[in-house]
Amino acid sequence: MKVAASPFSNSKSLKKLTMAGACLALCMLLPFLTGQIQQLGSALAPMHIPVLLCGFVCGPYYALVVGAVSPFLRHTLFGMPPLMPIGVSMCFELAVYGFISGLLYKVLPKKPAFIYVSLIAAMLVGRVVWGVARVLLTGVSGVAFSWHLFISGAFINAIPGIVVHIVLIPLIVMALKKADFLAD
């Protein structure tokens, strides 16, 4: 009798699963570090970094799962972020960040400029999805959400995080690429 092979039986899948787990762990831990910076803590969007990196390192599907579960898991373990409407909308936003960064990195040429293209596209689409989720959750949560709140939350208040992501993530991805540590 032949036993079906596990999807995690090859070393590539095991490596991706392990790295996705490490990214999920970073989603739990990084907010503790940035939370010590009074004025910028949440504006640095610390959970976004490991999810975006997971897209580049593990591929779109692992990153989608890490992004979707990390706000729920962090809320369950530490009570933050508040689940409604912030945590739920973050689940959608982070899932899209991970999926888009991983998908575009997979299909675009492997040149440094396209790391930026993948990253910025993921950040833009993720922010739009976050805004749509917040609008849809308005009826459920009773918390009003306007165009002004979308622009403020997605772009103006997020400038420190956007800058950190655009500077830090491509550098890490290029270093991981040089070390031959990225998904195919």
C-alpha atoms as a PDB file:
ATOM      1  CA  MET A   1       0.000   0.000   0.000  1.00  0.00           C
ATOM      2  CA  LYS A   2       1.396   3.379  -1.062  1.00  0.00           C
ATOM      3  CA  VAL A   3       0.949   6.335   1.298  1.00  0.00           C
ATOM      4  CA  ALA A   4       0.289   9.750  -0.220  1.00  0.00           C
ATOM      5  CA  ALA A   5       3.155  12.185   0.204  1.00  0.00           C
ATOM      6  CA  SER A   6       2.643  15.000   2.651  1.00  0.00           C
ATOM      7  CA  PRO A   7       2.714  18.492   1.130  1.00  0.00           C
ATOM      8  CA  PHE A   8       5.409  19.233   3.726  1.00  0.00           C
ATOM      9  CA  SER A   9       7.574  16.226   2.896  1.00  0.00           C
ATOM     10  CA  ASN A  10      10.018  18.084   0.687  1.00  0.00           C
ATOM     11  CA  SER A  11      12.596  20.474   2.064  1.00  0.00           C
ATOM     12  CA  LYS A  12      11.293  23.518   0.125  1.00  0.00           C
ATOM     13  CA  SER A  13       7.827  23.230   1.625  1.00  0.00           C
ATOM     14  CA  LEU A  14       9.242  22.667   5.082  1.00  0.00           C
ATOM     15  CA  LYS A  15      11.492  25.713   4.674  1.00  0.00           C
ATOM     16  CA  LYS A  16       8.523  27.852   3.580  1.00  0.00           C
ATOM     17  CA  LEU A  17       6.354  26.600   6.440  1.00  0.00           C
ATOM     18  CA  THR A  18       9.128  27.293   8.946  1.00  0.00           C
ATOM     19  CA  MET A  19       9.730  30.786   7.566  1.00  0.00           C
ATOM     20  CA  ALA A  20       5.988  31.522   7.562  1.00  0.00           C
ATOM     21  CA  GLY A  21       5.907  30.494  11.225  1.00  0.00           C
ATOM     22  CA  ALA A  22       8.840  32.805  11.941  1.00  0.00           C
ATOM     23  CA  CYS A  23       7.020  35.661  10.169  1.00  0.00           C
ATOM     24  CA  LEU A  24       3.900  34.973  12.213  1.00  0.00           C
ATOM     25  CA  ALA A  25       5.997  35.049  15.396  1.00  0.00           C
ATOM     26  CA  LEU A  26       7.468  38.395  14.316  1.00  0.00           C
ATOM     27  CA  CYS A  27       3.922  39.700  13.831  1.00  0.00           C
ATOM     28  CA  MET A  28       3.337  38.911  17.487  1.00  0.00           C
ATOM     29  CA  LEU A  29       6.612  40.405  18.754  1.00  0.00           C
ATOM     30  CA  LEU A  30       7.422  43.502  16.688  1.00  0.00           C
ATOM     31  CA  PRO A  31       4.521  45.601  18.049  1.00  0.00           C
ATOM     32  CA  PHE A  32       6.063  45.241  21.521  1.00  0.00           C
ATOM     33  CA  LEU A  33       9.294  46.814  20.256  1.00  0.00           C
ATOM     34  CA  THR A  34       7.729  49.657  18.296  1.00  0.00           C
ATOM     35  CA  GLY A  35       5.163  50.273  21.024  1.00  0.00           C
ATOM     36  CA  GLN A  36       8.010  51.659  23.132  1.00  0.00           C
ATOM     37  CA  ILE A  37       8.281  54.603  20.724  1.00  0.00           C
ATOM     38  CA  GLN A  38       5.558  56.864  22.112  1.00  0.00           C
ATOM     39  CA  GLN A  39       4.725  58.998  19.089  1.00  0.00           C
ATOM     40  CA  LEU A  40       5.378  56.492  16.296  1.00  0.00           C
ATOM     41  CA  GLY A  41       4.615  53.020  17.665  1.00  0.00           C
ATOM     42  CA  SER A  42       1.498  52.084  15.701  1.00  0.00           C
ATOM     43  CA  ALA A  43       2.330  54.434  12.808  1.00  0.00           C
ATOM     44  CA  LEU A  44       5.323  52.217  12.015  1.00  0.00           C
ATOM     45  CA  ALA A  45       2.879  49.389  11.245  1.00  0.00           C
ATOM     46  CA  PRO A  46       5.119  46.664  12.696  1.00  0.00           C
ATOM     47  CA  MET A  47       2.861  43.729  11.776  1.00  0.00           C
ATOM     48  CA  HIS A  48       3.011  44.725   8.118  1.00  0.00           C
ATOM     49  CA  ILE A  49       6.767  44.129   7.853  1.00  0.00           C
ATOM     50  CA  PRO A  50       6.825  40.360   8.485  1.00  0.00           C
ATOM     51  CA  VAL A  51       3.717  39.807   6.354  1.00  0.00           C
ATOM     52  CA  LEU A  52       5.229  41.648   3.391  1.00  0.00           C
ATOM     53  CA  LEU A  53       8.514  39.783   3.876  1.00  0.00           C
ATOM     54  CA  CYS A  54       6.611  36.502   4.053  1.00  0.00           C
ATOM     55  CA  GLY A  55       5.269  37.217   0.562  1.00  0.00           C
ATOM     56  CA  PHE A  56       8.792  37.561  -0.802  1.00  0.00           C
ATOM     57  CA  VAL A  57      10.284  34.677   1.188  1.00  0.00           C
ATOM     58  CA  CYS A  58       7.480  32.104   1.231  1.00  0.00           C
ATOM     59  CA  GLY A  59       5.235  33.065  -1.668  1.00  0.00           C
ATOM     60  CA  PRO A  60       1.700  34.415  -1.947  1.00  0.00           C
ATOM     61  CA  TYR A  61      -0.297  31.637  -0.275  1.00  0.00           C
ATOM     62  CA  TYR A  62       1.744  31.292   2.890  1.00  0.00           C
ATOM     63  CA  ALA A  63       1.823  35.090   3.221  1.00  0.00           C
ATOM     64  CA  LEU A  64      -1.935  35.347   2.688  1.00  0.00           C
ATOM     65  CA  VAL A  65      -2.500  32.959   5.603  1.00  0.00           C
ATOM     66  CA  VAL A  66       0.048  34.693   7.853  1.00  0.00           C
ATOM     67  CA  GLY A  67      -1.544  38.065   7.079  1.00  0.00           C
ATOM     68  CA  ALA A  68      -5.077  36.828   7.622  1.00  0.00           C
ATOM     69  CA  VAL A  69      -4.465  35.124  10.965  1.00  0.00           C
ATOM     70  CA  SER A  70      -1.905  37.418  12.615  1.00  0.00           C
ATOM     71  CA  PRO A  71      -4.296  40.184  13.831  1.00  0.00           C
ATOM     72  CA  PHE A  72      -6.754  37.569  15.202  1.00  0.00           C
ATOM     73  CA  LEU A  73      -3.955  35.647  16.904  1.00  0.00           C
ATOM     74  CA  ARG A  74      -2.372  38.792  18.351  1.00  0.00           C
ATOM     75  CA  HIS A  75      -5.769  39.935  19.631  1.00  0.00           C
ATOM     76  CA  THR A  76      -6.386  36.521  21.202  1.00  0.00           C
ATOM     77  CA  LEU A  77      -2.967  36.384  22.869  1.00  0.00           C
ATOM     78  CA  PHE A  78      -2.434  40.016  23.857  1.00  0.00           C
ATOM     79  CA  GLY A  79      -5.763  41.848  23.446  1.00  0.00           C
ATOM     80  CA  MET A  80      -4.408  44.092  20.689  1.00  0.00           C
ATOM     81  CA  PRO A  81      -5.359  45.193  18.141  1.00  0.00           C
ATOM     82  CA  PRO A  82      -8.990  45.643  19.152  1.00  0.00           C
ATOM     83  CA  LEU A  83     -10.931  43.119  17.116  1.00  0.00           C
ATOM     84  CA  MET A  84     -13.741  45.328  15.799  1.00  0.00           C
ATOM     85  CA  PRO A  85     -13.329  47.096  13.462  1.00  0.00           C
ATOM     86  CA  ILE A  86      -9.520  47.479  13.525  1.00  0.00           C
ATOM     87  CA  GLY A  87      -8.433  43.836  13.834  1.00  0.00           C
ATOM     88  CA  VAL A  88     -10.878  42.450  11.294  1.00  0.00           C
ATOM     89  CA  SER A  89     -10.017  45.098   8.699  1.00  0.00           C
ATOM     90  CA  MET A  90      -6.305  44.451   9.360  1.00  0.00           C
ATOM     91  CA  CYS A  91      -6.863  40.750   8.625  1.00  0.00           C
ATOM     92  CA  PHE A  92      -8.023  41.622   5.123  1.00  0.00           C
ATOM     93  CA  GLU A  93      -5.351  44.286   4.636  1.00  0.00           C
ATOM     94  CA  LEU A  94      -2.462  42.078   5.752  1.00  0.00           C
ATOM     95  CA  ALA A  95      -3.713  39.067   3.795  1.00  0.00           C
ATOM     96  CA  VAL A  96      -3.717  41.203   0.644  1.00  0.00           C
ATOM     97  CA  TYR A  97      -0.277  42.643   1.473  1.00  0.00           C
ATOM     98  CA  GLY A  98       1.208  39.187   1.729  1.00  0.00           C
ATOM     99  CA  PHE A  99      -0.586  37.761  -1.285  1.00  0.00           C
ATOM    100  CA  ILE A 100       0.163  40.660  -3.651  1.00  0.00           C
ATOM    101  CA  SER A 101       3.815  41.031  -2.602  1.00  0.00           C
ATOM    102  CA  GLY A 102       4.363  37.293  -3.047  1.00  0.00           C
ATOM    103  CA  LEU A 103       2.444  37.016  -6.307  1.00  0.00           C
ATOM    104  CA  LEU A 104       4.103  39.991  -7.977  1.00  0.00           C
ATOM    105  CA  TYR A 105       7.550  38.939  -6.801  1.00  0.00           C
ATOM    106  CA  LYS A 106       6.890  35.514  -8.274  1.00  0.00           C
ATOM    107  CA  VAL A 107       5.759  36.738 -11.705  1.00  0.00           C
ATOM    108  CA  LEU A 108       7.888  39.866 -12.231  1.00  0.00           C
ATOM    109  CA  PRO A 109      11.573  39.854 -13.196  1.00  0.00           C
ATOM    110  CA  LYS A 110      13.927  39.306 -10.258  1.00  0.00           C
ATOM    111  CA  LYS A 111      15.529  42.748 -10.401  1.00  0.00           C
ATOM    112  CA  PRO A 112      15.740  45.241  -7.512  1.00  0.00           C
ATOM    113  CA  ALA A 113      13.353  47.696  -9.194  1.00  0.00           C
ATOM    114  CA  PHE A 114      10.638  45.032  -9.276  1.00  0.00           C
ATOM    115  CA  ILE A 115      11.006  44.404  -5.540  1.00  0.00           C
ATOM    116  CA  TYR A 116       9.892  48.008  -5.120  1.00  0.00           C
ATOM    117  CA  VAL A 117       7.089  47.543  -7.658  1.00  0.00           C
ATOM    118  CA  SER A 118       5.837  44.437  -5.804  1.00  0.00           C
ATOM    119  CA  LEU A 119       6.082  46.168  -2.428  1.00  0.00           C
ATOM    120  CA  ILE A 120       4.412  49.431  -3.410  1.00  0.00           C
ATOM    121  CA  ALA A 121       1.630  47.682  -5.335  1.00  0.00           C
ATOM    122  CA  ALA A 122       0.953  45.420  -2.337  1.00  0.00           C
ATOM    123  CA  MET A 123       0.883  48.420  -0.003  1.00  0.00           C
ATOM    124  CA  LEU A 124      -1.530  50.351  -2.236  1.00  0.00           C
ATOM    125  CA  VAL A 125      -3.920  47.457  -2.878  1.00  0.00           C
ATOM    126  CA  GLY A 126      -3.801  46.458   0.796  1.00  0.00           C
ATOM    127  CA  ARG A 127      -4.698  49.974   1.902  1.00  0.00           C
ATOM    128  CA  VAL A 128      -7.650  50.068  -0.495  1.00  0.00           C
ATOM    129  CA  VAL A 129      -8.841  46.693   0.824  1.00  0.00           C
ATOM    130  CA  TRP A 130      -8.439  48.011   4.392  1.00  0.00           C
ATOM    131  CA  GLY A 131     -10.640  51.004   3.487  1.00  0.00           C
ATOM    132  CA  VAL A 132     -13.297  48.812   1.864  1.00  0.00           C
ATOM    133  CA  ALA A 133     -13.300  46.497   4.889  1.00  0.00           C
ATOM    134  CA  ARG A 134     -13.681  49.459   7.247  1.00  0.00           C
ATOM    135  CA  VAL A 135     -16.620  50.784   5.215  1.00  0.00           C
ATOM    136  CA  LEU A 136     -18.300  47.358   5.229  1.00  0.00           C
ATOM    137  CA  LEU A 137     -17.691  46.968   8.966  1.00  0.00           C
ATOM    138  CA  THR A 138     -19.253  50.356   9.696  1.00  0.00           C
ATOM    139  CA  GLY A 139     -22.706  48.768   9.841  1.00  0.00           C
ATOM    140  CA  VAL A 140     -21.539  45.949  12.107  1.00  0.00           C
ATOM    141  CA  SER A 141     -19.313  47.923  14.460  1.00  0.00           C
ATOM    142  CA  GLY A 142     -21.255  51.156  14.563  1.00  0.00           C
ATOM    143  CA  VAL A 143     -17.999  53.117  14.126  1.00  0.00           C
ATOM    144  CA  ALA A 144     -18.343  55.696  11.359  1.00  0.00           C
ATOM    145  CA  PHE A 145     -15.754  55.660   8.580  1.00  0.00           C
ATOM    146  CA  SER A 146     -15.395  58.481   6.075  1.00  0.00           C
ATOM    147  CA  TRP A 147     -13.231  59.369   3.099  1.00  0.00           C
ATOM    148  CA  HIS A 148     -11.246  61.692   5.382  1.00  0.00           C
ATOM    149  CA  LEU A 149     -10.616  58.859   7.860  1.00  0.00           C
ATOM    150  CA  PHE A 150      -9.516  56.589   5.013  1.00  0.00           C
ATOM    151  CA  ILE A 151      -6.965  59.100   3.664  1.00  0.00           C
ATOM    152  CA  SER A 152      -5.723  59.871   7.183  1.00  0.00           C
ATOM    153  CA  GLY A 153      -5.457  56.233   8.266  1.00  0.00           C
ATOM    154  CA  ALA A 154      -4.138  54.746   5.044  1.00  0.00           C
ATOM    155  CA  PHE A 155      -1.706  57.461   4.017  1.00  0.00           C
ATOM    156  CA  ILE A 156      -1.185  60.567   6.178  1.00  0.00           C
ATOM    157  CA  ASN A 157      -0.829  58.923   9.601  1.00  0.00           C
ATOM    158  CA  ALA A 158       0.930  55.962   7.996  1.00  0.00           C
ATOM    159  CA  ILE A 159       3.795  57.981   6.483  1.00  0.00           C
ATOM    160  CA  PRO A 160       6.400  56.801   9.042  1.00  0.00           C
ATOM    161  CA  GLY A 161       5.486  53.157   8.389  1.00  0.00           C
ATOM    162  CA  ILE A 162       5.395  53.639   4.634  1.00  0.00           C
ATOM    163  CA  VAL A 163       8.900  55.142   4.696  1.00  0.00           C
ATOM    164  CA  VAL A 164      10.242  52.366   6.942  1.00  0.00           C
ATOM    165  CA  HIS A 165       8.691  49.689   4.730  1.00  0.00           C
ATOM    166  CA  ILE A 166       9.996  51.185   1.478  1.00  0.00           C
ATOM    167  CA  VAL A 167      13.510  51.527   2.904  1.00  0.00           C
ATOM    168  CA  LEU A 168      13.791  48.379   5.034  1.00  0.00           C
ATOM    169  CA  ILE A 169      11.911  45.647   3.163  1.00  0.00           C
ATOM    170  CA  PRO A 170      13.750  45.879  -0.199  1.00  0.00           C
ATOM    171  CA  LEU A 171      17.103  45.853   1.635  1.00  0.00           C
ATOM    172  CA  ILE A 172      16.102  42.703   3.536  1.00  0.00           C
ATOM    173  CA  VAL A 173      14.712  41.055   0.395  1.00  0.00           C
ATOM    174  CA  MET A 174      17.900  41.812  -1.557  1.00  0.00           C
ATOM    175  CA  ALA A 175      20.024  40.394   1.280  1.00  0.00           C
ATOM    176  CA  LEU A 176      17.845  37.268   1.442  1.00  0.00           C
ATOM    177  CA  LYS A 177      18.062  36.932  -2.350  1.00  0.00           C
ATOM    178  CA  LYS A 178      21.832  37.160  -2.198  1.00  0.00           C
ATOM    179  CA  ALA A 179      21.765  34.440   0.486  1.00  0.00           C
ATOM    180  CA  ASP A 180      19.494  32.354  -1.803  1.00  0.00           C
ATOM    181  CA  PHE A 181      16.718  32.333   0.779  1.00  0.00           C
ATOM    182  CA  LEU A 182      13.668  33.359  -1.273  1.00  0.00           C
ATOM    183  CA  ALA A 183      10.701  31.417  -2.646  1.00  0.00           C
ATOM    184  CA  ASP A 184      10.866  30.272  -6.250  1.00  0.00           C
END
